[in-house]
C-alpha atoms as a PDB file:
ATOM      1  CA  MET A   1      67.704  60.038 102.999  1.00  0.00           C
ATOM      2  CA  LYS A   2      66.474  55.887 104.525  1.00  0.00           C
ATOM      3  CA  ARG A   3      64.231  55.476 101.643  1.00  0.00           C
ATOM      4  CA  VAL A   4      66.537  56.759  99.440  1.00  0.00           C
ATOM      5  CA  PHE A   5      69.570  54.109 101.068  1.00  0.00           C
ATOM      6  CA  GLY A   6      67.222  51.680 102.040  1.00  0.00           C
ATOM      7  CA  LEU A   7      66.260  51.071  98.287  1.00  0.00           C
ATOM      8  CA  ALA A   8      69.966  51.219  96.970  1.00  0.00           C
ATOM      9  CA  LEU A   9      70.076  47.703  99.785  1.00  0.00           C
ATOM     10  CA  CYS A  10      66.898  46.139  99.212  1.00  0.00           C
ATOM     11  CA  VAL A  11      67.312  46.146  95.501  1.00  0.00           C
ATOM     12  CA  VAL A  12      71.089  44.888  95.849  1.00  0.00           C
ATOM     13  CA  LEU A  13      69.520  42.430  97.992  1.00  0.00           C
ATOM     14  CA  ILE A  14      66.730  41.856  94.665  1.00  0.00           C
ATOM     15  CA  ALA A  15      69.879  40.996  92.609  1.00  0.00           C
ATOM     16  CA  MET A  16      71.782  39.112  94.995  1.00  0.00           C
ATOM     17  CA  ALA A  17      69.240  37.031  95.805  1.00  0.00           C
ATOM     18  CA  SER A  18      68.717  35.774  91.680  1.00  0.00           C
ATOM     19  CA  CYS A  19      72.157  37.860  90.166  1.00  0.00           C
ATOM     20  CA  SER A  20      78.445  43.042  85.228  1.00  0.00           C
ATOM     21  CA  LEU A  21      76.854  46.224  84.454  1.00  0.00           C
ATOM     22  CA  ILE A  22      76.593  44.052  80.977  1.00  0.00           C
ATOM     23  CA  SER A  23      75.692  46.539  78.256  1.00  0.00           C
ATOM     24  CA  GLY A  24      71.997  45.437  77.113  1.00  0.00           C
ATOM     25  CA  SER A  25      69.841  43.213  79.111  1.00  0.00           C
ATOM     26  CA  LYS A  26      67.675  40.682  77.999  1.00  0.00           C
ATOM     27  CA  GLU A  27      65.522  38.402  78.817  1.00  0.00           C
ATOM     28  CA  VAL A  28      66.534  34.878  79.216  1.00  0.00           C
ATOM     29  CA  ASP A  29      65.611  32.390  76.750  1.00  0.00           C
ATOM     30  CA  PRO A  30      62.783  29.928  79.006  1.00  0.00           C
ATOM     31  CA  SER A  31      64.228  26.995  76.813  1.00  0.00           C
ATOM     32  CA  SER A  32      67.874  27.543  78.805  1.00  0.00           C
ATOM     33  CA  LEU A  33      65.710  26.259  82.252  1.00  0.00           C
ATOM     34  CA  LYS A  34      65.608  23.030  82.839  1.00  0.00           C
ATOM     35  CA  ASP A  35      61.556  21.489  82.752  1.00  0.00           C
ATOM     36  CA  SER A  36      60.888  21.459  85.933  1.00  0.00           C
ATOM     37  CA  GLY A  37      59.079  18.636  85.622  1.00  0.00           C
ATOM     38  CA  GLY A  38      55.027  19.658  87.282  1.00  0.00           C
ATOM     39  CA  THR A  39      52.358  20.460  86.194  1.00  0.00           C
ATOM     40  CA  PRO A  40      51.950  23.682  84.573  1.00  0.00           C
ATOM     41  CA  PRO A  41      49.720  26.218  86.696  1.00  0.00           C
ATOM     42  CA  ALA A  42      46.107  27.877  84.833  1.00  0.00           C
ATOM     43  CA  GLN A  43      46.575  31.463  83.865  1.00  0.00           C
ATOM     44  CA  ALA A  44      44.789  32.712  86.433  1.00  0.00           C
ATOM     45  CA  ASP A  45      46.344  31.296  88.857  1.00  0.00           C
ATOM     46  CA  ALA A  46      50.387  31.363  86.958  1.00  0.00           C
ATOM     47  CA  ILE A  47      51.633  35.210  87.653  1.00  0.00           C
ATOM     48  CA  PRO A  48      50.317  34.730  92.012  1.00  0.00           C
ATOM     49  CA  LEU A  49      52.247  31.205  92.331  1.00  0.00           C
ATOM     50  CA  ALA A  50      55.213  33.253  90.382  1.00  0.00           C
ATOM     51  CA  GLU A  51      54.482  35.979  92.808  1.00  0.00           C
ATOM     52  CA  ASP A  52      54.397  33.753  96.396  1.00  0.00           C
ATOM     53  CA  PHE A  53      57.384  32.091  95.203  1.00  0.00           C
ATOM     54  CA  ILE A  54      59.768  35.565  94.868  1.00  0.00           C
ATOM     55  CA  GLY A  55      58.010  36.203  97.685  1.00  0.00           C
ATOM     56  CA  GLN A  56      59.469  33.458  99.526  1.00  0.00           C
ATOM     57  CA  LEU A  57      62.805  32.903  98.077  1.00  0.00           C
ATOM     58  CA  MET A  58      63.775  36.889  99.169  1.00  0.00           C
ATOM     59  CA  PRO A  59      63.668  36.901 102.849  1.00  0.00           C
ATOM     60  CA  SER A  60      65.431  32.954 102.751  1.00  0.00           C
ATOM     61  CA  MET A  61      68.449  34.484 100.785  1.00  0.00           C
ATOM     62  CA  ALA A  62      68.031  37.355 102.874  1.00  0.00           C
ATOM     63  CA  SER A  63      68.868  34.732 105.751  1.00  0.00           C
ATOM     64  CA  ARG A  64      71.775  33.288 103.830  1.00  0.00           C
ATOM     65  CA  ILE A  65      73.724  36.210 103.320  1.00  0.00           C
ATOM     66  CA  SER A  66      72.975  37.716 107.365  1.00  0.00           C
ATOM     67  CA  GLY A  67      74.282  34.377 108.604  1.00  0.00           C
ATOM     68  CA  GLY A  68      70.692  33.597 110.178  1.00  0.00           C
ATOM     69  CA  LYS A  69      70.638  37.232 111.721  1.00  0.00           C
ATOM     70  CA  ALA A  70      67.505  38.753 109.137  1.00  0.00           C
ATOM     71  CA  SER A  71      65.139  37.638 106.870  1.00  0.00           C
ATOM     72  CA  ASP A  72      64.060  41.954 105.880  1.00  0.00           C
ATOM     73  CA  LEU A  73      66.008  42.559 102.718  1.00  0.00           C
ATOM     74  CA  LYS A  74      67.128  45.745 103.998  1.00  0.00           C
ATOM     75  CA  GLU A  75      68.825  44.789 107.401  1.00  0.00           C
ATOM     76  CA  ALA A  76      69.729  41.661 106.328  1.00  0.00           C
ATOM     77  CA  LEU A  77      72.479  43.745 103.484  1.00  0.00           C
ATOM     78  CA  ARG A  78      72.901  46.514 105.902  1.00  0.00           C
ATOM     79  CA  LEU A  79      74.426  43.596 108.359  1.00  0.00           C
ATOM     80  CA  TYR A  80      76.432  42.245 105.305  1.00  0.00           C
ATOM     81  CA  LEU A  81      78.024  46.115 103.893  1.00  0.00           C
ATOM     82  CA  LEU A  82      78.760  46.347 107.515  1.00  0.00           C
ATOM     83  CA  SER A  83      80.737  43.108 107.986  1.00  0.00           C
ATOM     84  CA  LYS A  84      82.043  43.996 104.414  1.00  0.00           C
ATOM     85  CA  THR A  85      83.481  47.498 105.521  1.00  0.00           C
ATOM     86  CA  LEU A  86      86.028  49.167 107.751  1.00  0.00           C
ATOM     87  CA  GLU A  87      85.003  52.404 110.031  1.00  0.00           C
ATOM     88  CA  PRO A  88      86.403  55.340 108.730  1.00  0.00           C
ATOM     89  CA  LYS A  89      89.084  56.875 111.611  1.00  0.00           C
ATOM     90  CA  ALA A  90      87.759  59.807 111.453  1.00  0.00           C
ATOM     91  CA  ASP A  91      85.139  61.778 113.681  1.00  0.00           C
ATOM     92  CA  SER A  92      82.430  64.516 113.393  1.00  0.00           C
ATOM     93  CA  SER A  93      78.908  65.129 112.897  1.00  0.00           C
ATOM     94  CA  LEU A  94      78.980  65.145 109.525  1.00  0.00           C
ATOM     95  CA  MET A  95      78.323  61.555 107.371  1.00  0.00           C
ATOM     96  CA  ARG A  96      81.344  59.271 107.036  1.00  0.00           C
ATOM     97  CA  HIS A  97      82.049  57.538 104.029  1.00  0.00           C
ATOM     98  CA  SER A  98      83.910  54.333 103.707  1.00  0.00           C
ATOM     99  CA  THR A  99      84.935  52.401 100.507  1.00  0.00           C
ATOM    100  CA  LEU A 100      83.676  49.119  99.354  1.00  0.00           C
ATOM    101  CA  LYS A 101      85.142  46.372  96.867  1.00  0.00           C
ATOM    102  CA  VAL A 102      84.247  42.902  97.146  1.00  0.00           C
ATOM    103  CA  THR A 103      84.257  39.979  95.240  1.00  0.00           C
ATOM    104  CA  ILE A 104      82.442  37.390  94.906  1.00  0.00           C
ATOM    105  CA  ASP A 105      83.023  33.397  94.359  1.00  0.00           C
ATOM    106  CA  THR A 106      81.351  31.293  95.476  1.00  0.00           C
ATOM    107  CA  ASP A 107      79.628  27.167  94.833  1.00  0.00           C
ATOM    108  CA  THR A 108      78.192  26.466  97.872  1.00  0.00           C
ATOM    109  CA  PRO A 109      76.726  23.337  98.999  1.00  0.00           C
ATOM    110  CA  MET A 110      73.052  23.655  99.982  1.00  0.00           C
ATOM    111  CA  GLN A 111      70.587  21.639 101.512  1.00  0.00           C
ATOM    112  CA  ASP A 112      69.882  18.231 100.062  1.00  0.00           C
ATOM    113  CA  GLU A 113      72.198  18.211  97.184  1.00  0.00           C
ATOM    114  CA  GLY A 114      71.235  21.761  95.788  1.00  0.00           C
ATOM    115  CA  THR A 115      74.191  24.469  94.719  1.00  0.00           C
ATOM    116  CA  LEU A 116      74.526  28.226  94.818  1.00  0.00           C
ATOM    117  CA  LYS A 117      77.505  29.765  92.401  1.00  0.00           C
ATOM    118  CA  LEU A 118      77.702  33.745  92.090  1.00  0.00           C
ATOM    119  CA  LYS A 119      80.656  34.822  90.481  1.00  0.00           C
ATOM    120  CA  GLY A 120      80.659  39.129  91.106  1.00  0.00           C
ATOM    121  CA  SER A 121      81.346  42.201  92.525  1.00  0.00           C
ATOM    122  CA  VAL A 122      79.697  44.938  94.850  1.00  0.00           C
ATOM    123  CA  GLU A 123      81.595  48.131  94.985  1.00  0.00           C
ATOM    124  CA  GLY A 124      80.856  51.810  96.446  1.00  0.00           C
ATOM    125  CA  LYS A 125      81.296  54.187  98.570  1.00  0.00           C
ATOM    126  CA  ILE A 126      79.191  53.620 101.436  1.00  0.00           C
ATOM    127  CA  PRO A 127      78.507  56.618 104.390  1.00  0.00           C
ATOM    128  CA  TYR A 128      79.229  54.532 106.714  1.00  0.00           C
ATOM    129  CA  ASP A 129      76.798  56.296 109.679  1.00  0.00           C
ATOM    130  CA  LEU A 130      73.870  55.542 108.134  1.00  0.00           C
ATOM    131  CA  LEU A 131      74.658  52.096 106.961  1.00  0.00           C
ATOM    132  CA  ARG A 132      75.675  52.215 111.459  1.00  0.00           C
ATOM    133  CA  GLU A 133      71.937  53.633 111.698  1.00  0.00           C
ATOM    134  CA  ASP A 134      72.262  54.352 115.473  1.00  0.00           C
ATOM    135  CA  SER A 135      75.406  56.784 114.685  1.00  0.00           C
ATOM    136  CA  LEU A 136      73.154  59.985 112.737  1.00  0.00           C
ATOM    137  CA  GLU A 137      73.077  63.404 115.228  1.00  0.00           C
ATOM    138  CA  PRO A 138      69.445  64.703 116.984  1.00  0.00           C
ATOM    139  CA  SER A 139      68.349  68.092 114.803  1.00  0.00           C
ATOM    140  CA  THR A 140      71.158  67.886 113.134  1.00  0.00           C
ATOM    141  CA  ALA A 141      71.172  69.368 108.502  1.00  0.00           C
ATOM    142  CA  TYR A 142      74.036  66.291 106.682  1.00  0.00           C
ATOM    143  CA  THR A 143      74.404  68.289 103.669  1.00  0.00           C
ATOM    144  CA  ASP A 144      78.174  67.689 102.724  1.00  0.00           C
ATOM    145  CA  ILE A 145      77.242  63.928 101.618  1.00  0.00           C
ATOM    146  CA  THR A 146      79.538  64.531  98.497  1.00  0.00           C
ATOM    147  CA  HIS A 147      78.974  61.448  97.012  1.00  0.00           C
ATOM    148  CA  ILE A 148      76.871  58.002  97.701  1.00  0.00           C
ATOM    149  CA  LEU A 149      77.927  55.112  95.310  1.00  0.00           C
ATOM    150  CA  LEU A 150      76.515  51.353  95.168  1.00  0.00           C
ATOM    151  CA  THR A 151      77.705  49.129  92.283  1.00  0.00           C
ATOM    152  CA  LEU A 152      76.500  45.327  92.391  1.00  0.00           C
ATOM    153  CA  ASP A 153      78.482  43.394  89.552  1.00  0.00           C
ATOM    154  CA  LEU A 154      77.251  39.700  89.065  1.00  0.00           C
ATOM    155  CA  ASN A 155      78.423  38.577  86.284  1.00  0.00           C
ATOM    156  CA  SER A 156      77.208  35.170  86.282  1.00  0.00           C
ATOM    157  CA  GLY A 157      75.137  33.432  88.795  1.00  0.00           C
ATOM    158  CA  GLU A 158      73.270  29.352  88.797  1.00  0.00           C
ATOM    159  CA  MET A 159      71.430  27.674  91.148  1.00  0.00           C
ATOM    160  CA  THR A 160      69.715  24.187  91.389  1.00  0.00           C
ATOM    161  CA  ASN A 161      67.439  22.321  93.338  1.00  0.00           C
ATOM    162  CA  ILE A 162      67.022  24.142  96.718  1.00  0.00           C
ATOM    163  CA  GLU A 163      64.339  23.732  98.570  1.00  0.00           C
ATOM    164  CA  LEU A 164      62.469  26.178 100.222  1.00  0.00           C
ATOM    165  CA  SER A 165      58.687  24.682 100.938  1.00  0.00           C
ATOM    166  CA  PRO A 166      56.648  24.656  99.401  1.00  0.00           C
ATOM    167  CA  TYR A 167      58.564  24.934  96.095  1.00  0.00           C
ATOM    168  CA  THR A 168      61.452  23.809  94.738  1.00  0.00           C
ATOM    169  CA  THR A 169      63.592  25.943  92.554  1.00  0.00           C
ATOM    170  CA  VAL A 170      65.117  22.868  90.498  1.00  0.00           C
ATOM    171  CA  HIS A 171      66.540  25.484  88.344  1.00  0.00           C
ATOM    172  CA  GLY A 172      67.565  29.083  88.227  1.00  0.00           C
ATOM    173  CA  ILE A 173      70.540  31.208  85.966  1.00  0.00           C
ATOM    174  CA  LEU A 174      71.376  34.783  87.586  1.00  0.00           C
ATOM    175  CA  LYS A 175      72.916  37.680  85.332  1.00  0.00           C
ATOM    176  CA  ASP A 176      72.040  41.661  86.996  1.00  0.00           C
ATOM    177  CA  SER A 177      73.783  44.732  87.681  1.00  0.00           C
ATOM    178  CA  ILE A 178      72.518  47.563  89.644  1.00  0.00           C
ATOM    179  CA  LYS A 179      74.374  50.985  90.340  1.00  0.00           C
ATOM    180  CA  LEU A 180      73.184  53.721  92.328  1.00  0.00           C
ATOM    181  CA  THR A 181      75.065  56.747  92.422  1.00  0.00           C
ATOM    182  CA  ALA A 182      73.129  59.763  95.207  1.00  0.00           C
ATOM    183  CA  GLU A 183      74.165  63.226  96.768  1.00  0.00           C
ATOM    184  CA  PRO A 184      71.580  63.307  99.578  1.00  0.00           C
ATOM    185  CA  SER A 185      70.782  66.245 101.551  1.00  0.00           C
ATOM    186  CA  PHE A 186      68.505  65.627 104.894  1.00  0.00           C
ATOM    187  CA  THR A 187      67.622  66.878 108.656  1.00  0.00           C
ATOM    188  CA  THR A 188      67.233  65.284 111.575  1.00  0.00           C
ATOM    189  CA  ASP A 189      64.780  65.247 114.079  1.00  0.00           C
ATOM    190  CA  ALA A 190      64.962  65.676 118.010  1.00  0.00           C
ATOM    191  CA  SER A 191      65.066  61.344 117.974  1.00  0.00           C
ATOM    192  CA  ALA A 192      67.572  61.298 115.424  1.00  0.00           C
ATOM    193  CA  GLU A 193      65.480  60.241 112.914  1.00  0.00           C
ATOM    194  CA  ILE A 194      65.620  61.097 109.863  1.00  0.00           C
ATOM    195  CA  VAL A 195      62.405  63.984 108.696  1.00  0.00           C
ATOM    196  CA  SER A 196      61.004  62.033 106.119  1.00  0.00           C
ATOM    197  CA  ASP A 197      60.272  65.767 103.878  1.00  0.00           C
ATOM    198  CA  SER A 198      63.560  66.876 103.718  1.00  0.00           C
ATOM    199  CA  VAL A 199      65.725  64.657 101.845  1.00  0.00           C
ATOM    200  CA  SER A 200      66.580  66.443  98.533  1.00  0.00           C
ATOM    201  CA  GLY A 201      69.621  65.969  96.179  1.00  0.00           C
ATOM    202  CA  PRO A 202      70.274  64.820  92.514  1.00  0.00           C
ATOM    203  CA  VAL A 203      69.798  60.822  92.460  1.00  0.00           C
ATOM    204  CA  ASN A 204      70.493  57.684  90.035  1.00  0.00           C
ATOM    205  CA  LEU A 205      69.676  54.479  89.100  1.00  0.00           C
ATOM    206  CA  THR A 206      70.447  50.894  86.715  1.00  0.00           C
ATOM    207  CA  LEU A 207      68.845  48.486  86.436  1.00  0.00           C
ATOM    208  CA  LYS A 208      69.558  45.469  84.472  1.00  0.00           C
ATOM    209  CA  MET A 209      67.758  42.260  85.482  1.00  0.00           C
ATOM    210  CA  SER A 210      67.920  38.869  83.711  1.00  0.00           C
ATOM    211  CA  ASP A 211      66.865  35.567  85.654  1.00  0.00           C
ATOM    212  CA  GLY A 212      65.122  32.583  85.798  1.00  0.00           C
ATOM    213  CA  PHE A 213      63.914  30.132  87.655  1.00  0.00           C
ATOM    214  CA  SER A 214      61.998  27.068  86.922  1.00  0.00           C
ATOM    215  CA  VAL A 215      60.025  25.947  89.444  1.00  0.00           C
ATOM    216  CA  LEU A 216      58.460  23.007  91.156  1.00  0.00           C
ATOM    217  CA  CYS A 217      55.862  23.077  93.762  1.00  0.00           C
ATOM    218  CA  ASP A 218      54.899  20.431  95.978  1.00  0.00           C
ATOM    219  CA  ASP A 219      51.193  19.965  94.593  1.00  0.00           C
ATOM    220  CA  GLY A 220      53.117  19.070  91.504  1.00  0.00           C
ATOM    221  CA  THR A 221      52.420  22.123  90.048  1.00  0.00           C
ATOM    222  CA  GLY A 222      55.077  23.499  88.222  1.00  0.00           C
ATOM    223  CA  PHE A 223      56.338  26.448  86.177  1.00  0.00           C
ATOM    224  CA  LYS A 224      59.132  28.382  84.704  1.00  0.00           C
ATOM    225  CA  CYS A 225      59.608  31.924  84.494  1.00  0.00           C
ATOM    226  CA  THR A 226      61.782  35.194  84.148  1.00  0.00           C
ATOM    227  CA  ILE A 227      62.101  38.236  85.793  1.00  0.00           C
ATOM    228  CA  PHE A 228      63.772  41.233  83.182  1.00  0.00           C
ATOM    229  CA  SER A 229      63.958  44.933  83.813  1.00  0.00           C
ATOM    230  CA  ASP A 230      66.015  47.259  81.194  1.00  0.00           C
ATOM    231  CA  SER A 231      66.036  50.358  83.326  1.00  0.00           C
ATOM    232  CA  LYS A 232      67.662  53.756  84.231  1.00  0.00           C
ATOM    233  CA  ALA A 233      65.559  56.417  86.282  1.00  0.00           C
ATOM    234  CA  GLU A 234      67.271  59.887  87.527  1.00  0.00           C
ATOM    235  CA  THR A 235      65.798  63.108  89.093  1.00  0.00           C
ATOM    236  CA  THR A 236      66.810  65.637  91.475  1.00  0.00           C
ATOM    237  CA  ILE A 237      64.098  64.517  94.398  1.00  0.00           C
ATOM    238  CA  THR A 238      62.637  67.880  96.547  1.00  0.00           C
ATOM    239  CA  ASP A 239      60.953  67.206  99.957  1.00  0.00           C
ATOM    240  CA  GLY A 240      61.265  63.077 100.048  1.00  0.00           C
ATOM    241  CA  ASP A 241      58.629  62.423  97.332  1.00  0.00           C
ATOM    242  CA  MET A 242      60.279  59.638  95.480  1.00  0.00           C
ATOM    243  CA  ALA A 243      57.394  58.373  93.804  1.00  0.00           C
ATOM    244  CA  ALA A 244      57.934  59.667  89.906  1.00  0.00           C
ATOM    245  CA  PHE A 245      61.835  58.473  89.959  1.00  0.00           C
ATOM    246  CA  LEU A 246      60.128  54.960  91.560  1.00  0.00           C
ATOM    247  CA  GLN A 247      57.496  54.479  88.742  1.00  0.00           C
ATOM    248  CA  GLN A 248      60.843  54.784  85.792  1.00  0.00           C
ATOM    249  CA  ILE A 249      62.078  52.100  86.911  1.00  0.00           C
ATOM    250  CA  GLU A 250      59.908  48.592  85.071  1.00  0.00           C
ATOM    251  CA  ILE A 251      60.260  44.682  86.110  1.00  0.00           C
ATOM    252  CA  THR A 252      58.247  41.897  84.265  1.00  0.00           C
ATOM    253  CA  LEU A 253      57.796  38.872  85.185  1.00  0.00           C
ATOM    254  CA  LYS A 254      56.929  36.319  82.829  1.00  0.00           C
ATOM    255  CA  VAL A 255      55.011  33.090  83.623  1.00  0.00           C
ATOM    256  CA  TYR A 256      55.874  29.686  80.972  1.00  0.00           C
ATOM    257  CA  ASP A 257      55.103  25.839  81.178  1.00  0.00           C
ATOM    258  CA  ASP A 258      57.663  23.294  80.374  1.00  0.00           C
ATOM    259  CA  ALA A 259      57.440  23.528  76.639  1.00  0.00           C
ATOM    260  CA  ASN A 260      58.535  26.957  77.196  1.00  0.00           C
ATOM    261  CA  ASN A 261      54.749  28.850  75.886  1.00  0.00           C
ATOM    262  CA  PRO A 262      53.878  31.852  77.825  1.00  0.00           C
ATOM    263  CA  ILE A 263      50.933  31.530  80.382  1.00  0.00           C
ATOM    264  CA  ASP A 264      50.609  35.155  81.304  1.00  0.00           C
ATOM    265  CA  GLU A 265      52.935  38.077  82.585  1.00  0.00           C
ATOM    266  CA  LYS A 266      52.677  41.451  84.310  1.00  0.00           C
ATOM    267  CA  THR A 267      55.177  44.728  84.322  1.00  0.00           C
ATOM    268  CA  TYR A 268      55.657  46.156  87.771  1.00  0.00           C
ATOM    269  CA  THR A 269      56.899  49.234  88.637  1.00  0.00           C
ATOM    270  CA  LEU A 270      59.934  49.364  91.420  1.00  0.00           C
ATOM    271  CA  ASP A 271      58.072  51.603  93.289  1.00  0.00           C
ATOM    272  CA  GLN A 272      55.196  48.676  93.588  1.00  0.00           C
ATOM    273  CA  MET A 273      58.152  45.840  93.672  1.00  0.00           C
ATOM    274  CA  MET A 274      59.165  47.985  97.265  1.00  0.00           C
ATOM    275  CA  THR A 275      56.110  47.591  98.594  1.00  0.00           C
END
């Protein structure tokens, strides 16, 4: 279950860090991105450079979302959701749910005249005890989690001139959506930790990502990159095995020069992205 819910938190945060359930999802047209103003990387360097940029962007956005309290993706969103949810009044050893509905509408000045704009919403029916992570009972079978629903609907987003050394995000275009539903059951051990191979139940994930960035590096290298996915995964998990489920979701990273000529691309499964 921690893998199931941790997956939801990480994927939602990826979209928030970049960001309706829209019908269909298309790759960002690289010509719609402002030029980076740098020298394009060699083909052999393009994907590793884009991967490193994204790897630094995620902790930075996690820190912003959590008010500087966390740079870990899962922990940042857990804290964010906790700050937006009300604790259910009923107290029992069964998993308790809290309804979440948050409107996102930001136009935030960043350092050095950078900007970040996001519009959308986060909604869901969240297991409050699991968000807290310290409320599970030891040696308990949790078999009555009626429904988990977590959706992110970010209609539009844009970022400009955001510095994160050694990278400056000259321009970013963001439009993503995620919907996760699950009805899991699991057992905790004597320390109230979830027994990983006890997790079972149906899970469904829809991921639509349509993000693009133009990036200038401190050494003068510059490139555009797009992150694209239009995937759906659905399965019933048994014995905690999520590998086949995660491999149904694919995310493609493409790198371009400022003239919008493709340099290289790579496709990942969600399992690879999470690890």
